Amino acid sequence: MKRAYLILIDFVLPLPMTAVMYWLWYRRTGDGLFSLYVLALGVLFGYIFPGIGTNILHLWKFNGPFRIKNYFLHHGFLYAPYMALVFYLVFATDMPLTAENMVRVVLCAGFVQCVLSCHHDTWGVATGMIEIATVPGAVKRSPVEVVTSFGVIGFWLVGATYSASCLMAYRAIVLGARSDWATFALLLAGGLTLMGLAALQHLFAQRALVFGPGRARKG
């Protein structure tokens, strides 16, 4: 059951879900550029930072078809539609975009993203579809212990910074009517920078658990 669930959400749904989320965001906001933004941010993030974690720092390895070394060919699309869906569920576009409401959205999105990501990675570790580096000679831990030892704060920060970036883009593109490619590129760069800080915390929190006296191994 766990493996079938992961195959469904990791291989079957990502591309169709990306198209669905574009349509849902366009239907809600009437703005194609913003709809593209919420997906492009997730796609780029999903390729860049997991690529660093898997192929440079060697903290994780994903097992299955369609791989580029240690992560998937479509890895960015494992992030984009699901992050866009979480943001879609917690952000009501008809609410006043006050500071208090923005904080509520960021907190809620971070929480939901944390729960979903921890659940996904725990099942991934349990089935062997995800390998996470461990300290050589360390006592074997359960998948839940492995994932939550480094992932809770990191996953929350990723969800929170993604939603904060999308809120800034919504204010500029939709409310501010700045639907030009220069604004889009600037917002995308800013969003990736903000999410990158969260990802670095995530990456180096895991790295700190692994690279102590010896070299990491896959566990």
N, C-alpha and C. Protein backbone atom coordinates (compact mmCIF):
# COMPACT_ATOMS: atom_id res chain seq x y z
N MET A 1 0.81 -1.21 0.00
CA MET A 1 0.00 0.00 0.00
C MET A 1 0.86 1.27 0.00
N LYS A 2 1.89 1.27 0.84
CA LYS A 2 2.75 2.44 0.91
C LYS A 2 3.45 2.70 -0.42
N ARG A 3 3.99 1.65 -1.02
CA ARG A 3 4.68 1.81 -2.29
C ARG A 3 3.71 2.26 -3.39
N ALA A 4 2.51 1.69 -3.40
CA ALA A 4 1.52 2.09 -4.40
C ALA A 4 1.14 3.56 -4.24
N TYR A 5 1.00 4.00 -2.99
CA TYR A 5 0.69 5.41 -2.71
C TYR A 5 1.80 6.32 -3.23
N LEU A 6 3.06 5.94 -2.98
CA LEU A 6 4.17 6.77 -3.42
C LEU A 6 4.30 6.79 -4.93
N ILE A 7 4.06 5.66 -5.56
CA ILE A 7 4.10 5.63 -7.03
C ILE A 7 3.02 6.55 -7.60
N LEU A 8 1.85 6.54 -6.97
CA LEU A 8 0.76 7.39 -7.44
C LEU A 8 1.13 8.86 -7.34
N ILE A 9 1.59 9.30 -6.16
CA ILE A 9 1.82 10.74 -5.99
C ILE A 9 3.16 11.20 -6.54
N ASP A 10 4.12 10.28 -6.72
CA ASP A 10 5.43 10.68 -7.22
C ASP A 10 5.60 10.50 -8.73
N PHE A 11 4.84 9.58 -9.32
CA PHE A 11 5.04 9.28 -10.74
C PHE A 11 3.80 9.50 -11.60
N VAL A 12 2.63 9.24 -11.05
CA VAL A 12 1.41 9.34 -11.86
C VAL A 12 0.81 10.74 -11.83
N LEU A 13 0.72 11.34 -10.67
CA LEU A 13 -0.02 12.59 -10.51
C LEU A 13 0.73 13.90 -10.78
N PRO A 14 2.06 13.98 -10.61
CA PRO A 14 2.71 15.28 -10.67
C PRO A 14 2.43 16.12 -11.91
N LEU A 15 2.56 15.56 -13.10
CA LEU A 15 2.36 16.37 -14.31
C LEU A 15 0.89 16.74 -14.52
N PRO A 16 -0.06 15.79 -14.40
CA PRO A 16 -1.46 16.20 -14.49
C PRO A 16 -1.85 17.21 -13.41
N MET A 17 -1.35 17.02 -12.20
CA MET A 17 -1.66 17.94 -11.11
C MET A 17 -1.11 19.33 -11.37
N THR A 18 0.03 19.41 -12.05
CA THR A 18 0.59 20.72 -12.40
C THR A 18 -0.36 21.48 -13.30
N ALA A 19 -0.90 20.79 -14.30
CA ALA A 19 -1.86 21.43 -15.20
C ALA A 19 -3.14 21.82 -14.47
N VAL A 20 -3.60 20.94 -13.58
CA VAL A 20 -4.82 21.23 -12.81
C VAL A 20 -4.62 22.44 -11.91
N MET A 21 -3.46 22.54 -11.25
CA MET A 21 -3.22 23.66 -10.35
C MET A 21 -3.09 24.97 -11.11
N TYR A 22 -2.53 24.93 -12.32
CA TYR A 22 -2.48 26.15 -13.12
C TYR A 22 -3.91 26.61 -13.41
N TRP A 23 -4.75 25.67 -13.81
CA TRP A 23 -6.14 26.01 -14.14
C TRP A 23 -6.88 26.54 -12.91
N LEU A 24 -6.69 25.91 -11.76
CA LEU A 24 -7.37 26.36 -10.54
C LEU A 24 -6.93 27.76 -10.13
N TRP A 25 -5.63 28.01 -10.19
CA TRP A 25 -5.16 29.34 -9.82
C TRP A 25 -5.60 30.40 -10.83
N TYR A 26 -5.61 30.02 -12.12
CA TYR A 26 -6.07 30.99 -13.12
C TYR A 26 -7.56 31.27 -12.94
N ARG A 27 -8.33 30.24 -12.62
CA ARG A 27 -9.76 30.42 -12.40
C ARG A 27 -10.02 31.31 -11.19
N ARG A 28 -9.20 31.16 -10.16
CA ARG A 28 -9.41 31.94 -8.94
C ARG A 28 -8.95 33.38 -9.09
N THR A 29 -7.82 33.60 -9.74
CA THR A 29 -7.24 34.95 -9.80
C THR A 29 -7.45 35.65 -11.13
N GLY A 30 -7.70 34.90 -12.19
CA GLY A 30 -7.83 35.49 -13.51
C GLY A 30 -6.51 35.99 -14.06
N ASP A 31 -5.40 35.58 -13.48
CA ASP A 31 -4.09 36.08 -13.90
C ASP A 31 -3.18 34.91 -14.26
N GLY A 32 -2.85 34.79 -15.54
CA GLY A 32 -2.01 33.70 -15.99
C GLY A 32 -0.59 33.78 -15.49
N LEU A 33 -0.07 35.01 -15.35
CA LEU A 33 1.32 35.17 -14.90
C LEU A 33 1.48 34.73 -13.45
N PHE A 34 0.53 35.10 -12.61
CA PHE A 34 0.61 34.66 -11.22
C PHE A 34 0.43 33.15 -11.13
N SER A 35 -0.47 32.59 -11.91
CA SER A 35 -0.67 31.14 -11.92
C SER A 35 0.60 30.42 -12.33
N LEU A 36 1.32 31.02 -13.28
CA LEU A 36 2.61 30.46 -13.68
C LEU A 36 3.63 30.59 -12.56
N TYR A 37 3.59 31.70 -11.85
CA TYR A 37 4.56 31.93 -10.77
C TYR A 37 4.47 30.87 -9.69
N VAL A 38 3.27 30.57 -9.21
CA VAL A 38 3.14 29.64 -8.09
C VAL A 38 3.67 28.25 -8.47
N LEU A 39 3.66 27.92 -9.75
CA LEU A 39 4.19 26.63 -10.19
C LEU A 39 5.68 26.71 -10.52
N ALA A 40 6.09 27.79 -11.18
CA ALA A 40 7.50 27.92 -11.55
C ALA A 40 8.39 27.96 -10.32
N LEU A 41 7.93 28.63 -9.27
CA LEU A 41 8.73 28.70 -8.04
C LEU A 41 8.95 27.31 -7.46
N GLY A 42 7.89 26.50 -7.41
CA GLY A 42 8.03 25.15 -6.89
C GLY A 42 8.88 24.25 -7.77
N VAL A 43 8.73 24.38 -9.10
CA VAL A 43 9.52 23.57 -10.03
C VAL A 43 11.01 23.86 -9.88
N LEU A 44 11.37 25.14 -9.90
CA LEU A 44 12.79 25.50 -9.80
C LEU A 44 13.37 25.11 -8.45
N PHE A 45 12.61 25.36 -7.39
CA PHE A 45 13.08 24.95 -6.07
C PHE A 45 13.29 23.44 -6.01
N GLY A 46 12.35 22.69 -6.58
CA GLY A 46 12.41 21.23 -6.51
C GLY A 46 13.54 20.62 -7.31
N TYR A 47 14.05 21.34 -8.29
CA TYR A 47 15.22 20.86 -9.02
C TYR A 47 16.53 21.30 -8.35
N ILE A 48 16.59 22.55 -7.91
CA ILE A 48 17.86 23.11 -7.44
C ILE A 48 18.29 22.52 -6.10
N PHE A 49 17.45 22.66 -5.08
CA PHE A 49 17.91 22.34 -3.73
C PHE A 49 17.94 20.84 -3.42
N PRO A 50 16.94 20.06 -3.84
CA PRO A 50 17.11 18.60 -3.70
C PRO A 50 18.29 18.08 -4.52
N GLY A 51 18.58 18.74 -5.64
CA GLY A 51 19.76 18.36 -6.42
C GLY A 51 21.04 18.55 -5.64
N ILE A 52 21.11 19.63 -4.88
CA ILE A 52 22.27 19.87 -4.03
C ILE A 52 22.35 18.80 -2.94
N GLY A 53 21.20 18.52 -2.32
CA GLY A 53 21.17 17.55 -1.22
C GLY A 53 21.51 16.14 -1.65
N THR A 54 21.11 15.77 -2.88
CA THR A 54 21.33 14.39 -3.33
C THR A 54 22.65 14.22 -4.07
N ASN A 55 22.93 15.07 -5.02
CA ASN A 55 24.04 14.85 -5.93
C ASN A 55 25.33 15.57 -5.55
N ILE A 56 25.25 16.52 -4.60
CA ILE A 56 26.46 17.22 -4.16
C ILE A 56 26.80 16.85 -2.72
N LEU A 57 25.83 17.03 -1.81
CA LEU A 57 26.08 16.71 -0.41
C LEU A 57 25.86 15.23 -0.07
N HIS A 58 25.16 14.52 -0.97
CA HIS A 58 24.91 13.07 -0.80
C HIS A 58 24.22 12.76 0.53
N LEU A 59 23.21 13.55 0.84
CA LEU A 59 22.45 13.34 2.08
C LEU A 59 21.26 12.42 1.87
N TRP A 60 20.76 12.37 0.63
CA TRP A 60 19.62 11.52 0.32
C TRP A 60 19.88 10.82 -1.00
N LYS A 61 19.10 9.77 -1.22
CA LYS A 61 19.09 9.10 -2.51
C LYS A 61 17.67 8.62 -2.76
N PHE A 62 17.16 8.87 -3.95
CA PHE A 62 15.83 8.43 -4.32
C PHE A 62 15.96 7.24 -5.26
N ASN A 63 15.23 6.18 -4.96
CA ASN A 63 15.29 4.97 -5.76
C ASN A 63 14.03 4.82 -6.60
N GLY A 64 14.23 4.47 -7.84
CA GLY A 64 13.11 4.31 -8.76
C GLY A 64 13.53 4.65 -10.17
N PRO A 65 12.60 4.64 -11.11
CA PRO A 65 12.93 4.95 -12.51
C PRO A 65 13.08 6.45 -12.73
N PHE A 66 13.54 6.80 -13.93
CA PHE A 66 13.60 8.20 -14.39
C PHE A 66 14.46 9.07 -13.47
N ARG A 67 15.70 8.62 -13.21
CA ARG A 67 16.55 9.36 -12.29
C ARG A 67 17.67 10.10 -13.00
N ILE A 68 18.08 11.23 -12.41
CA ILE A 68 19.33 11.91 -12.75
C ILE A 68 20.24 11.66 -11.56
N LYS A 69 21.12 10.71 -11.66
CA LYS A 69 21.95 10.28 -10.54
C LYS A 69 21.06 9.86 -9.37
N ASN A 70 21.00 10.70 -8.32
CA ASN A 70 20.30 10.28 -7.11
C ASN A 70 18.91 10.90 -6.94
N TYR A 71 18.43 11.64 -7.94
CA TYR A 71 17.06 12.14 -7.83
C TYR A 71 16.37 12.06 -9.17
N PHE A 72 15.08 12.34 -9.20
CA PHE A 72 14.27 12.02 -10.36
C PHE A 72 14.34 13.08 -11.46
N LEU A 73 14.16 12.61 -12.67
CA LEU A 73 14.15 13.50 -13.82
C LEU A 73 13.07 14.58 -13.70
N HIS A 74 11.95 14.24 -13.09
CA HIS A 74 10.82 15.17 -12.94
C HIS A 74 10.74 15.73 -11.52
N HIS A 75 11.88 15.83 -10.84
CA HIS A 75 11.86 16.12 -9.41
C HIS A 75 11.19 17.46 -9.07
N GLY A 76 11.38 18.46 -9.91
CA GLY A 76 10.74 19.74 -9.64
C GLY A 76 9.23 19.65 -9.61
N PHE A 77 8.69 18.71 -10.40
CA PHE A 77 7.24 18.55 -10.46
C PHE A 77 6.71 17.68 -9.31
N LEU A 78 7.61 17.13 -8.49
CA LEU A 78 7.17 16.49 -7.26
C LEU A 78 6.81 17.54 -6.21
N TYR A 79 7.34 18.74 -6.39
CA TYR A 79 7.11 19.82 -5.43
C TYR A 79 6.01 20.77 -5.89
N ALA A 80 6.10 21.24 -7.13
CA ALA A 80 5.28 22.37 -7.59
C ALA A 80 3.78 22.19 -7.39
N PRO A 81 3.17 21.11 -7.90
CA PRO A 81 1.70 21.05 -7.79
C PRO A 81 1.20 20.88 -6.37
N TYR A 82 1.96 20.17 -5.54
CA TYR A 82 1.51 19.93 -4.17
C TYR A 82 1.68 21.18 -3.30
N MET A 83 2.77 21.91 -3.51
CA MET A 83 2.94 23.16 -2.78
C MET A 83 1.89 24.18 -3.22
N ALA A 84 1.62 24.21 -4.52
CA ALA A 84 0.58 25.11 -5.03
C ALA A 84 -0.79 24.74 -4.48
N LEU A 85 -1.03 23.44 -4.28
CA LEU A 85 -2.30 22.99 -3.71
C LEU A 85 -2.43 23.40 -2.25
N VAL A 86 -1.36 23.23 -1.47
CA VAL A 86 -1.40 23.65 -0.07
C VAL A 86 -1.68 25.15 0.02
N PHE A 87 -1.01 25.93 -0.79
CA PHE A 87 -1.23 27.38 -0.78
C PHE A 87 -2.65 27.71 -1.22
N TYR A 88 -3.16 26.98 -2.17
CA TYR A 88 -4.53 27.18 -2.66
C TYR A 88 -5.54 26.94 -1.54
N LEU A 89 -5.28 25.95 -0.71
CA LEU A 89 -6.22 25.59 0.36
C LEU A 89 -6.18 26.57 1.53
N VAL A 90 -5.02 27.16 1.80
CA VAL A 90 -4.92 28.02 2.99
C VAL A 90 -5.10 29.50 2.67
N PHE A 91 -5.07 29.87 1.40
CA PHE A 91 -5.15 31.28 1.02
C PHE A 91 -6.45 31.56 0.27
N ALA A 92 -7.31 32.35 0.89
CA ALA A 92 -8.55 32.79 0.24
C ALA A 92 -8.31 34.16 -0.37
N THR A 93 -8.40 34.26 -1.67
CA THR A 93 -8.05 35.51 -2.35
C THR A 93 -9.02 36.65 -2.06
N ASP A 94 -10.19 36.35 -1.50
CA ASP A 94 -11.13 37.42 -1.21
C ASP A 94 -10.94 38.01 0.18
N MET A 95 -9.96 37.50 0.93
CA MET A 95 -9.73 38.05 2.27
C MET A 95 -8.81 39.27 2.16
N PRO A 96 -8.95 40.24 3.08
CA PRO A 96 -8.05 41.39 3.07
C PRO A 96 -6.60 40.94 3.27
N LEU A 97 -5.69 41.48 2.49
CA LEU A 97 -4.29 41.05 2.58
C LEU A 97 -3.57 41.88 3.64
N THR A 98 -4.04 41.75 4.88
CA THR A 98 -3.43 42.45 6.00
C THR A 98 -2.24 41.64 6.52
N ALA A 99 -1.43 42.29 7.34
CA ALA A 99 -0.27 41.60 7.92
C ALA A 99 -0.70 40.39 8.74
N GLU A 100 -1.78 40.54 9.51
CA GLU A 100 -2.26 39.42 10.34
C GLU A 100 -2.70 38.25 9.48
N ASN A 101 -3.43 38.54 8.42
CA ASN A 101 -3.89 37.45 7.55
C ASN A 101 -2.73 36.78 6.83
N MET A 102 -1.74 37.56 6.43
CA MET A 102 -0.57 36.99 5.76
C MET A 102 0.19 36.07 6.71
N VAL A 103 0.32 36.48 7.97
CA VAL A 103 0.99 35.63 8.96
C VAL A 103 0.22 34.33 9.15
N ARG A 104 -1.11 34.42 9.20
CA ARG A 104 -1.93 33.21 9.35
C ARG A 104 -1.70 32.25 8.18
N VAL A 105 -1.68 32.79 6.97
CA VAL A 105 -1.47 31.96 5.79
C VAL A 105 -0.11 31.28 5.84
N VAL A 106 0.91 32.04 6.18
CA VAL A 106 2.27 31.50 6.24
C VAL A 106 2.38 30.41 7.30
N LEU A 107 1.82 30.65 8.48
CA LEU A 107 1.87 29.65 9.54
C LEU A 107 1.14 28.38 9.15
N CYS A 108 -0.06 28.53 8.58
CA CYS A 108 -0.86 27.37 8.19
C CYS A 108 -0.20 26.58 7.06
N ALA A 109 0.30 27.29 6.07
CA ALA A 109 0.94 26.61 4.94
C ALA A 109 2.18 25.85 5.41
N GLY A 110 2.96 26.47 6.29
CA GLY A 110 4.14 25.79 6.82
C GLY A 110 3.76 24.52 7.57
N PHE A 111 2.71 24.59 8.38
CA PHE A 111 2.27 23.44 9.15
C PHE A 111 1.81 22.30 8.24
N VAL A 112 0.95 22.62 7.28
CA VAL A 112 0.42 21.59 6.38
C VAL A 112 1.54 20.97 5.56
N GLN A 113 2.46 21.81 5.05
CA GLN A 113 3.57 21.30 4.27
C GLN A 113 4.45 20.38 5.11
N CYS A 114 4.67 20.74 6.35
CA CYS A 114 5.49 19.92 7.25
C CYS A 114 4.85 18.55 7.46
N VAL A 115 3.56 18.53 7.73
CA VAL A 115 2.88 17.26 7.97
C VAL A 115 2.93 16.37 6.72
N LEU A 116 2.61 16.95 5.57
CA LEU A 116 2.59 16.16 4.34
C LEU A 116 3.97 15.66 3.95
N SER A 117 4.98 16.51 4.09
CA SER A 117 6.34 16.13 3.70
C SER A 117 6.90 15.06 4.64
N CYS A 118 6.67 15.22 5.94
CA CYS A 118 7.13 14.21 6.89
C CYS A 118 6.46 12.87 6.63
N HIS A 119 5.15 12.91 6.33
CA HIS A 119 4.42 11.68 6.01
C HIS A 119 4.98 11.02 4.76
N HIS A 120 5.20 11.82 3.72
CA HIS A 120 5.73 11.29 2.46
C HIS A 120 7.10 10.67 2.66
N ASP A 121 8.00 11.39 3.31
CA ASP A 121 9.37 10.90 3.45
C ASP A 121 9.46 9.71 4.40
N THR A 122 8.59 9.68 5.41
CA THR A 122 8.57 8.53 6.31
C THR A 122 8.19 7.26 5.56
N TRP A 123 7.17 7.35 4.72
CA TRP A 123 6.79 6.20 3.92
C TRP A 123 7.86 5.88 2.88
N GLY A 124 8.51 6.92 2.35
CA GLY A 124 9.59 6.70 1.40
C GLY A 124 10.74 5.93 2.02
N VAL A 125 11.12 6.31 3.23
CA VAL A 125 12.19 5.59 3.92
C VAL A 125 11.76 4.17 4.27
N ALA A 126 10.52 4.01 4.69
CA ALA A 126 10.02 2.69 5.08
C ALA A 126 10.02 1.71 3.91
N THR A 127 9.77 2.20 2.70
CA THR A 127 9.71 1.33 1.53
C THR A 127 11.04 1.22 0.80
N GLY A 128 12.04 1.99 1.21
CA GLY A 128 13.32 1.98 0.52
C GLY A 128 13.38 2.86 -0.70
N MET A 129 12.31 3.59 -1.00
CA MET A 129 12.32 4.49 -2.15
C MET A 129 13.12 5.76 -1.86
N ILE A 130 13.33 6.07 -0.58
CA ILE A 130 14.19 7.16 -0.16
C ILE A 130 15.22 6.61 0.80
N GLU A 131 16.49 6.92 0.55
CA GLU A 131 17.56 6.58 1.48
C GLU A 131 18.10 7.88 2.06
N ILE A 132 18.22 7.94 3.38
CA ILE A 132 18.72 9.13 4.05
C ILE A 132 20.00 8.76 4.77
N ALA A 133 21.02 9.58 4.59
CA ALA A 133 22.32 9.30 5.19
C ALA A 133 22.23 9.28 6.70
N THR A 134 22.98 8.38 7.31
CA THR A 134 23.01 8.26 8.76
C THR A 134 24.45 8.24 9.24
N VAL A 135 24.64 8.46 10.52
CA VAL A 135 25.98 8.44 11.09
C VAL A 135 26.51 7.00 11.10
N PRO A 136 27.73 6.78 10.61
CA PRO A 136 28.27 5.42 10.64
C PRO A 136 28.28 4.84 12.05
N GLY A 137 27.77 3.62 12.19
CA GLY A 137 27.76 2.97 13.48
C GLY A 137 26.64 3.37 14.40
N ALA A 138 25.77 4.26 13.94
CA ALA A 138 24.68 4.72 14.80
C ALA A 138 23.64 3.62 14.97
N VAL A 139 22.92 3.69 16.08
CA VAL A 139 21.83 2.74 16.32
C VAL A 139 20.75 2.93 15.27
N LYS A 140 20.28 1.83 14.70
CA LYS A 140 19.26 1.91 13.66
C LYS A 140 17.98 2.51 14.23
N ARG A 141 17.42 3.50 13.52
CA ARG A 141 16.21 4.17 13.98
C ARG A 141 15.06 3.88 13.03
N SER A 142 13.85 4.12 13.53
CA SER A 142 12.67 3.93 12.70
C SER A 142 12.59 5.03 11.64
N PRO A 143 11.84 4.80 10.55
CA PRO A 143 11.68 5.85 9.55
C PRO A 143 11.16 7.16 10.12
N VAL A 144 10.24 7.09 11.07
CA VAL A 144 9.72 8.31 11.68
C VAL A 144 10.82 9.07 12.41
N GLU A 145 11.64 8.36 13.15
CA GLU A 145 12.74 9.00 13.87
C GLU A 145 13.75 9.61 12.91
N VAL A 146 14.05 8.90 11.83
CA VAL A 146 15.02 9.40 10.85
C VAL A 146 14.54 10.71 10.24
N VAL A 147 13.29 10.74 9.80
CA VAL A 147 12.77 11.93 9.10
C VAL A 147 12.57 13.10 10.06
N THR A 148 11.97 12.84 11.20
CA THR A 148 11.66 13.95 12.11
C THR A 148 12.89 14.50 12.82
N SER A 149 14.00 13.76 12.79
CA SER A 149 15.21 14.24 13.45
C SER A 149 15.76 15.50 12.79
N PHE A 150 15.45 15.70 11.52
CA PHE A 150 15.96 16.88 10.82
C PHE A 150 14.88 17.62 10.02
N GLY A 151 13.75 16.93 9.75
CA GLY A 151 12.82 17.46 8.76
C GLY A 151 11.73 18.38 9.26
N VAL A 152 11.39 18.34 10.55
CA VAL A 152 10.22 19.08 11.01
C VAL A 152 10.39 20.59 10.77
N ILE A 153 11.48 21.14 11.26
CA ILE A 153 11.70 22.58 11.08
C ILE A 153 11.93 22.91 9.62
N GLY A 154 12.74 22.09 8.95
CA GLY A 154 13.05 22.36 7.55
C GLY A 154 11.84 22.34 6.64
N PHE A 155 10.99 21.33 6.80
CA PHE A 155 9.78 21.25 5.97
C PHE A 155 8.84 22.42 6.27
N TRP A 156 8.73 22.78 7.55
CA TRP A 156 7.87 23.92 7.89
C TRP A 156 8.39 25.19 7.23
N LEU A 157 9.70 25.41 7.29
CA LEU A 157 10.28 26.62 6.70
C LEU A 157 10.09 26.66 5.19
N VAL A 158 10.21 25.51 4.55
CA VAL A 158 10.01 25.47 3.09
C VAL A 158 8.58 25.87 2.74
N GLY A 159 7.60 25.29 3.45
CA GLY A 159 6.21 25.65 3.18
C GLY A 159 5.91 27.10 3.51
N ALA A 160 6.48 27.60 4.60
CA ALA A 160 6.23 28.98 5.02
C ALA A 160 6.85 29.97 4.05
N THR A 161 8.08 29.73 3.63
CA THR A 161 8.73 30.68 2.73
C THR A 161 8.12 30.63 1.32
N TYR A 162 7.66 29.44 0.92
CA TYR A 162 6.96 29.36 -0.38
C TYR A 162 5.69 30.20 -0.35
N SER A 163 4.89 30.05 0.70
CA SER A 163 3.64 30.81 0.77
C SER A 163 3.90 32.30 0.92
N ALA A 164 4.94 32.68 1.67
CA ALA A 164 5.29 34.10 1.80
C ALA A 164 5.70 34.68 0.46
N SER A 165 6.46 33.91 -0.32
CA SER A 165 6.87 34.36 -1.65
C SER A 165 5.68 34.53 -2.57
N CYS A 166 4.74 33.57 -2.50
CA CYS A 166 3.55 33.65 -3.34
C CYS A 166 2.65 34.82 -2.94
N LEU A 167 2.59 35.11 -1.64
CA LEU A 167 1.81 36.27 -1.20
C LEU A 167 2.40 37.57 -1.73
N MET A 168 3.71 37.69 -1.72
CA MET A 168 4.36 38.88 -2.27
C MET A 168 4.09 39.00 -3.76
N ALA A 169 4.13 37.85 -4.45
CA ALA A 169 3.84 37.86 -5.88
C ALA A 169 2.38 38.22 -6.14
N TYR A 170 1.48 37.72 -5.33
CA TYR A 170 0.06 38.04 -5.49
C TYR A 170 -0.18 39.53 -5.30
N ARG A 171 0.47 40.11 -4.30
CA ARG A 171 0.32 41.54 -4.06
C ARG A 171 0.82 42.35 -5.25
N ALA A 172 1.93 41.93 -5.81
CA ALA A 172 2.53 42.69 -6.91
C ALA A 172 1.83 42.45 -8.24
N ILE A 173 1.60 41.19 -8.58
CA ILE A 173 1.10 40.84 -9.91
C ILE A 173 -0.41 41.03 -10.02
N VAL A 174 -1.14 40.50 -9.05
CA VAL A 174 -2.60 40.53 -9.13
C VAL A 174 -3.16 41.84 -8.62
N LEU A 175 -2.82 42.19 -7.38
CA LEU A 175 -3.37 43.42 -6.80
C LEU A 175 -2.70 44.66 -7.37
N GLY A 176 -1.41 44.56 -7.64
CA GLY A 176 -0.69 45.72 -8.17
C GLY A 176 -0.70 45.82 -9.68
N ALA A 177 -1.28 44.83 -10.34
CA ALA A 177 -1.40 44.81 -11.81
C ALA A 177 -0.04 44.97 -12.50
N ARG A 178 0.98 44.39 -11.92
CA ARG A 178 2.32 44.46 -12.52
C ARG A 178 2.61 43.15 -13.25
N SER A 179 1.86 42.92 -14.32
CA SER A 179 1.95 41.66 -15.06
C SER A 179 2.95 41.77 -16.20
N ASP A 180 4.22 41.95 -15.84
CA ASP A 180 5.27 42.01 -16.86
C ASP A 180 6.36 41.01 -16.48
N TRP A 181 7.14 40.61 -17.47
CA TRP A 181 8.12 39.56 -17.25
C TRP A 181 9.27 40.01 -16.36
N ALA A 182 9.59 41.30 -16.37
CA ALA A 182 10.65 41.79 -15.50
C ALA A 182 10.25 41.63 -14.02
N THR A 183 9.01 41.99 -13.71
CA THR A 183 8.51 41.82 -12.34
C THR A 183 8.46 40.34 -11.98
N PHE A 184 8.00 39.53 -12.92
CA PHE A 184 7.94 38.08 -12.71
C PHE A 184 9.32 37.53 -12.36
N ALA A 185 10.32 37.90 -13.14
CA ALA A 185 11.68 37.39 -12.93
C ALA A 185 12.23 37.86 -11.58
N LEU A 186 11.98 39.12 -11.24
CA LEU A 186 12.46 39.66 -9.97
C LEU A 186 11.81 38.94 -8.79
N LEU A 187 10.51 38.72 -8.88
CA LEU A 187 9.80 38.03 -7.81
C LEU A 187 10.24 36.57 -7.70
N LEU A 188 10.50 35.95 -8.85
CA LEU A 188 10.94 34.56 -8.84
C LEU A 188 12.32 34.44 -8.20
N ALA A 189 13.20 35.37 -8.52
CA ALA A 189 14.54 35.37 -7.91
C ALA A 189 14.44 35.59 -6.40
N GLY A 190 13.57 36.51 -6.01
CA GLY A 190 13.39 36.77 -4.58
C GLY A 190 12.80 35.57 -3.86
N GLY A 191 11.82 34.92 -4.48
CA GLY A 191 11.21 33.74 -3.88
C GLY A 191 12.20 32.60 -3.73
N LEU A 192 13.02 32.37 -4.76
CA LEU A 192 14.01 31.31 -4.69
C LEU A 192 15.07 31.60 -3.62
N THR A 193 15.41 32.88 -3.48
CA THR A 193 16.37 33.26 -2.44
C THR A 193 15.80 32.98 -1.06
N LEU A 194 14.55 33.39 -0.84
CA LEU A 194 13.91 33.17 0.45
C LEU A 194 13.76 31.68 0.75
N MET A 195 13.28 30.93 -0.23
CA MET A 195 13.14 29.49 -0.04
C MET A 195 14.50 28.81 0.09
N GLY A 196 15.50 29.38 -0.59
CA GLY A 196 16.84 28.82 -0.50
C GLY A 196 17.40 28.88 0.90
N LEU A 197 17.10 29.96 1.61
CA LEU A 197 17.56 30.07 3.00
C LEU A 197 16.94 28.96 3.85
N ALA A 198 15.65 28.70 3.61
CA ALA A 198 14.99 27.60 4.33
C ALA A 198 15.60 26.26 3.95
N ALA A 199 15.87 26.08 2.67
CA ALA A 199 16.43 24.81 2.22
C ALA A 199 17.83 24.59 2.78
N LEU A 200 18.61 25.65 2.87
CA LEU A 200 19.95 25.50 3.42
C LEU A 200 19.90 25.08 4.88
N GLN A 201 18.93 25.63 5.62
CA GLN A 201 18.76 25.19 7.00
C GLN A 201 18.45 23.70 7.03
N HIS A 202 17.57 23.28 6.13
CA HIS A 202 17.16 21.88 6.04
C HIS A 202 18.36 21.00 5.68
N LEU A 203 19.12 21.43 4.67
CA LEU A 203 20.25 20.64 4.21
C LEU A 203 21.33 20.51 5.28
N PHE A 204 21.66 21.62 5.91
CA PHE A 204 22.77 21.59 6.85
C PHE A 204 22.36 21.05 8.21
N ALA A 205 21.07 21.08 8.53
CA ALA A 205 20.62 20.39 9.74
C ALA A 205 20.83 18.89 9.58
N GLN A 206 20.50 18.37 8.40
CA GLN A 206 20.74 16.95 8.13
C GLN A 206 22.24 16.66 8.05
N ARG A 207 22.98 17.55 7.42
CA ARG A 207 24.42 17.34 7.28
C ARG A 207 25.11 17.31 8.64
N ALA A 208 24.64 18.16 9.56
CA ALA A 208 25.24 18.20 10.90
C ALA A 208 25.02 16.91 11.65
N LEU A 209 23.90 16.22 11.36
CA LEU A 209 23.63 14.94 12.01
C LEU A 209 24.49 13.81 11.46
N VAL A 210 25.01 14.03 10.26
CA VAL A 210 25.69 12.95 9.56
C VAL A 210 27.20 13.09 9.62
N PHE A 211 27.70 14.26 9.27
CA PHE A 211 29.14 14.41 9.11
C PHE A 211 29.77 14.84 10.43
N GLY A 212 30.03 13.82 11.22
CA GLY A 212 30.72 14.05 12.48
C GLY A 212 32.11 13.45 12.40
N PRO A 213 32.40 12.47 13.25
CA PRO A 213 33.72 11.85 13.24
C PRO A 213 34.03 11.08 11.97
N GLY A 214 33.00 10.52 11.31
CA GLY A 214 33.26 9.70 10.13
C GLY A 214 32.47 10.16 8.94
N ARG A 215 32.60 9.41 7.85
CA ARG A 215 31.89 9.74 6.63
C ARG A 215 30.51 9.11 6.65
N ALA A 216 29.54 9.79 6.02
CA ALA A 216 28.17 9.29 6.03
C ALA A 216 28.04 8.02 5.20
N ARG A 217 27.09 7.23 5.55
CA ARG A 217 26.70 6.08 4.74
C ARG A 217 25.21 6.17 4.50
N LYS A 218 24.74 5.43 3.55
CA LYS A 218 23.31 5.38 3.30
C LYS A 218 22.67 4.37 4.24
N GLY A 219 21.52 4.77 4.86
CA GLY A 219 20.88 3.88 5.79
C GLY A 219 19.41 3.85 5.59
